[in-house]
Amino acid sequence: MLMLAVAPGPIRMSLQEIVVMIHDGEYGRAIASLEFEVKDESKPPQTRVEYCRWLAECNNRLEDYREAGDWYVEAVRIILRTDADNKSKVKQALPLCNKALEAYEKDGDSADVLVAARVKQYLVGLDK
C-alpha cells in the first residue's frame, strides 16, 4: 500500500496566539499564520485589517519594507470596502497609508511610492 505524506496546512490560531509568536521573535511562523487568516473573508473587516497591520509589523521587523508597505495598503483597501462613513474610513486608513509610504520610501520603487501617495490623496479627498 502506497502512503503519501501530506504537508500539514497552517493551523488556525487566535490573534493572541500569533502575537505571542511575534513577541518570541517567530516572525516567519507568525507571517504564515497571519496570511492564512487574512485571506478568510468570512472574518469581519476590522479583524482582517488588524491581521494586515500585524503582517506589516512582522515584515518591518524582518526589514522587508516593501512587503510591509504592501500589507499596509491591503489594510487600507479592506477599510475602503467597508460600509463605514467616509470620515471613519479616512480616520482609520490614513495612518496606515502613511506607514505604507514610510515603508516604501525605505525599500520600494517609485511605483510603490506613487501608488501609496495616490491612495493618500484619495483619502484626503474623501475627508472633505
C-alpha atoms as a PDB file:
ATOM      1  CA  MET A   1       0.000   0.000   0.000  1.00  0.00           C
ATOM      2  CA  LEU A   2       1.373   3.387  -1.028  1.00  0.00           C
ATOM      3  CA  MET A   3       1.213   6.057   1.674  1.00  0.00           C
ATOM      4  CA  LEU A   4       1.566   9.685   0.692  1.00  0.00           C
ATOM      5  CA  ALA A   5       2.825  12.195   3.165  1.00  0.00           C
ATOM      6  CA  VAL A   6       0.719  15.316   3.209  1.00  0.00           C
ATOM      7  CA  ALA A   7       2.307  18.518   4.361  1.00  0.00           C
ATOM      8  CA  PRO A   8       0.276  19.977   7.181  1.00  0.00           C
ATOM      9  CA  GLY A   9      -1.519  23.200   6.392  1.00  0.00           C
ATOM     10  CA  PRO A  10      -1.468  26.227   8.635  1.00  0.00           C
ATOM     11  CA  ILE A  11      -3.150  25.682  11.973  1.00  0.00           C
ATOM     12  CA  ARG A  12      -5.826  28.186  12.870  1.00  0.00           C
ATOM     13  CA  MET A  13      -4.640  30.430  15.644  1.00  0.00           C
ATOM     14  CA  SER A  14      -6.130  33.314  17.503  1.00  0.00           C
ATOM     15  CA  LEU A  15      -4.571  36.727  17.094  1.00  0.00           C
ATOM     16  CA  GLN A  16      -3.438  36.475  20.714  1.00  0.00           C
ATOM     17  CA  GLU A  17      -1.515  33.250  19.944  1.00  0.00           C
ATOM     18  CA  ILE A  18       0.043  34.856  16.879  1.00  0.00           C
ATOM     19  CA  VAL A  19       1.085  37.925  18.874  1.00  0.00           C
ATOM     20  CA  VAL A  20       2.848  35.613  21.345  1.00  0.00           C
ATOM     21  CA  MET A  21       4.819  34.156  18.413  1.00  0.00           C
ATOM     22  CA  ILE A  22       5.735  37.678  17.313  1.00  0.00           C
ATOM     23  CA  HIS A  23       6.928  38.604  20.797  1.00  0.00           C
ATOM     24  CA  ASP A  24       9.003  35.399  20.790  1.00  0.00           C
ATOM     25  CA  GLY A  25      10.631  36.517  17.531  1.00  0.00           C
ATOM     26  CA  GLU A  26       8.991  33.793  15.433  1.00  0.00           C
ATOM     27  CA  TYR A  27       8.143  36.191  12.614  1.00  0.00           C
ATOM     28  CA  GLY A  28       8.129  33.603   9.827  1.00  0.00           C
ATOM     29  CA  ARG A  29       5.613  31.390  11.608  1.00  0.00           C
ATOM     30  CA  ALA A  30       3.553  34.421  12.567  1.00  0.00           C
ATOM     31  CA  ILE A  31       3.520  35.662   8.968  1.00  0.00           C
ATOM     32  CA  ALA A  32       2.350  32.267   7.669  1.00  0.00           C
ATOM     33  CA  SER A  33      -0.484  32.164  10.198  1.00  0.00           C
ATOM     34  CA  LEU A  34      -1.470  35.786   9.613  1.00  0.00           C
ATOM     35  CA  GLU A  35      -1.516  35.368   5.817  1.00  0.00           C
ATOM     36  CA  PHE A  36      -3.741  32.320   6.223  1.00  0.00           C
ATOM     37  CA  GLU A  37      -6.134  34.205   8.486  1.00  0.00           C
ATOM     38  CA  VAL A  38      -6.292  37.450   6.481  1.00  0.00           C
ATOM     39  CA  LYS A  39      -7.488  35.535   3.415  1.00  0.00           C
ATOM     40  CA  ASP A  40     -10.558  34.317   5.318  1.00  0.00           C
ATOM     41  CA  GLU A  41     -13.181  36.723   4.018  1.00  0.00           C
ATOM     42  CA  SER A  42     -15.728  35.393   6.494  1.00  0.00           C
ATOM     43  CA  LYS A  43     -13.826  37.282   9.202  1.00  0.00           C
ATOM     44  CA  PRO A  44     -15.005  40.815   9.961  1.00  0.00           C
ATOM     45  CA  PRO A  45     -13.153  43.528   8.026  1.00  0.00           C
ATOM     46  CA  GLN A  46     -11.747  45.046  11.220  1.00  0.00           C
ATOM     47  CA  THR A  47     -10.186  41.696  12.150  1.00  0.00           C
ATOM     48  CA  ARG A  48      -8.656  41.354   8.696  1.00  0.00           C
ATOM     49  CA  VAL A  49      -7.287  44.910   8.939  1.00  0.00           C
ATOM     50  CA  GLU A  50      -5.683  44.001  12.264  1.00  0.00           C
ATOM     51  CA  TYR A  51      -4.081  40.908  10.672  1.00  0.00           C
ATOM     52  CA  CYS A  52      -2.712  43.113   7.865  1.00  0.00           C
ATOM     53  CA  ARG A  53      -1.282  45.538  10.404  1.00  0.00           C
ATOM     54  CA  TRP A  54       0.484  42.718  12.231  1.00  0.00           C
ATOM     55  CA  LEU A  55       1.765  41.318   8.929  1.00  0.00           C
ATOM     56  CA  ALA A  56       3.232  44.710   8.123  1.00  0.00           C
ATOM     57  CA  GLU A  57       4.854  44.927  11.545  1.00  0.00           C
ATOM     58  CA  CYS A  58       6.403  41.445  11.190  1.00  0.00           C
ATOM     59  CA  ASN A  59       7.813  42.387   7.807  1.00  0.00           C
ATOM     60  CA  ASN A  60       9.160  45.646   9.240  1.00  0.00           C
ATOM     61  CA  ARG A  61      10.990  43.661  11.918  1.00  0.00           C
ATOM     62  CA  LEU A  62      12.444  41.442   9.184  1.00  0.00           C
ATOM     63  CA  GLU A  63      13.412  44.628   7.287  1.00  0.00           C
ATOM     64  CA  ASP A  64      11.252  43.629   4.319  1.00  0.00           C
ATOM     65  CA  TYR A  65       9.851  47.119   3.998  1.00  0.00           C
ATOM     66  CA  ARG A  66       8.304  46.671   0.579  1.00  0.00           C
ATOM     67  CA  GLU A  67       6.232  43.722   1.823  1.00  0.00           C
ATOM     68  CA  ALA A  68       5.309  45.739   4.908  1.00  0.00           C
ATOM     69  CA  GLY A  69       4.083  48.560   2.691  1.00  0.00           C
ATOM     70  CA  ASP A  70       2.031  46.102   0.646  1.00  0.00           C
ATOM     71  CA  TRP A  71       0.256  44.873   3.793  1.00  0.00           C
ATOM     72  CA  TYR A  72      -0.479  48.414   4.969  1.00  0.00           C
ATOM     73  CA  VAL A  73      -2.009  49.154   1.559  1.00  0.00           C
ATOM     74  CA  GLU A  74      -4.050  45.943   1.732  1.00  0.00           C
ATOM     75  CA  ALA A  75      -5.417  47.072   5.094  1.00  0.00           C
ATOM     76  CA  VAL A  76      -6.438  50.386   3.513  1.00  0.00           C
ATOM     77  CA  ARG A  77      -8.199  48.522   0.694  1.00  0.00           C
ATOM     78  CA  ILE A  78     -10.161  46.452   3.193  1.00  0.00           C
ATOM     79  CA  ILE A  79     -11.175  49.599   5.080  1.00  0.00           C
ATOM     80  CA  LEU A  80     -12.307  51.323   1.885  1.00  0.00           C
ATOM     81  CA  ARG A  81     -14.581  48.375   1.035  1.00  0.00           C
ATOM     82  CA  THR A  82     -16.468  48.635   4.331  1.00  0.00           C
ATOM     83  CA  ASP A  83     -19.846  50.304   4.739  1.00  0.00           C
ATOM     84  CA  ALA A  84     -18.499  52.875   7.192  1.00  0.00           C
ATOM     85  CA  ASP A  85     -18.933  56.573   6.507  1.00  0.00           C
ATOM     86  CA  ASN A  86     -16.101  58.341   4.705  1.00  0.00           C
ATOM     87  CA  LYS A  87     -14.841  60.221   7.767  1.00  0.00           C
ATOM     88  CA  SER A  88     -14.479  56.941   9.692  1.00  0.00           C
ATOM     89  CA  LYS A  89     -12.705  55.310   6.765  1.00  0.00           C
ATOM     90  CA  VAL A  90     -10.257  58.192   6.476  1.00  0.00           C
ATOM     91  CA  LYS A  91      -9.600  58.277  10.223  1.00  0.00           C
ATOM     92  CA  GLN A  92      -8.734  54.582  10.204  1.00  0.00           C
ATOM     93  CA  ALA A  93      -6.994  54.322   6.819  1.00  0.00           C
ATOM     94  CA  LEU A  94      -4.857  57.471   6.660  1.00  0.00           C
ATOM     95  CA  PRO A  95      -2.355  56.434   9.376  1.00  0.00           C
ATOM     96  CA  LEU A  96      -1.913  53.059   7.644  1.00  0.00           C
ATOM     97  CA  CYS A  97      -1.390  54.787   4.315  1.00  0.00           C
ATOM     98  CA  ASN A  98       1.289  56.984   5.910  1.00  0.00           C
ATOM     99  CA  LYS A  99       3.007  53.861   7.254  1.00  0.00           C
ATOM    100  CA  ALA A 100       2.911  52.343   3.750  1.00  0.00           C
ATOM    101  CA  LEU A 101       4.584  55.470   2.375  1.00  0.00           C
ATOM    102  CA  GLU A 102       7.288  55.286   5.053  1.00  0.00           C
ATOM    103  CA  ALA A 103       7.928  51.616   4.293  1.00  0.00           C
ATOM    104  CA  TYR A 104       8.066  52.160   0.534  1.00  0.00           C
ATOM    105  CA  GLU A 105      10.445  55.074   0.959  1.00  0.00           C
ATOM    106  CA  LYS A 106      12.827  52.688   2.754  1.00  0.00           C
ATOM    107  CA  ASP A 107      12.663  49.865   0.226  1.00  0.00           C
ATOM    108  CA  GLY A 108      10.139  50.334  -2.521  1.00  0.00           C
ATOM    109  CA  ASP A 109      10.388  51.529  -6.041  1.00  0.00           C
ATOM    110  CA  SER A 110       8.946  54.773  -7.311  1.00  0.00           C
ATOM    111  CA  ALA A 111       5.775  52.990  -8.494  1.00  0.00           C
ATOM    112  CA  ASP A 112       5.078  51.780  -4.939  1.00  0.00           C
ATOM    113  CA  VAL A 113       5.550  55.273  -3.554  1.00  0.00           C
ATOM    114  CA  LEU A 114       3.327  56.710  -6.272  1.00  0.00           C
ATOM    115  CA  VAL A 115       0.504  54.224  -5.561  1.00  0.00           C
ATOM    116  CA  ALA A 116       0.614  54.960  -1.830  1.00  0.00           C
ATOM    117  CA  ALA A 117       0.721  58.717  -2.479  1.00  0.00           C
ATOM    118  CA  ARG A 118      -2.318  58.471  -4.761  1.00  0.00           C
ATOM    119  CA  VAL A 119      -4.206  56.442  -2.171  1.00  0.00           C
ATOM    120  CA  LYS A 120      -3.344  59.083   0.416  1.00  0.00           C
ATOM    121  CA  GLN A 121      -4.550  61.813  -1.926  1.00  0.00           C
ATOM    122  CA  TYR A 122      -7.799  59.904  -2.442  1.00  0.00           C
ATOM    123  CA  LEU A 123      -8.274  59.539   1.326  1.00  0.00           C
ATOM    124  CA  VAL A 124      -7.670  63.242   1.915  1.00  0.00           C
ATOM    125  CA  GLY A 125     -10.262  63.974  -0.777  1.00  0.00           C
ATOM    126  CA  LEU A 126     -12.806  61.747   0.982  1.00  0.00           C
ATOM    127  CA  ASP A 127     -12.389  63.751   4.151  1.00  0.00           C
ATOM    128  CA  LYS A 128     -13.537  66.995   2.551  1.00  0.00           C
END
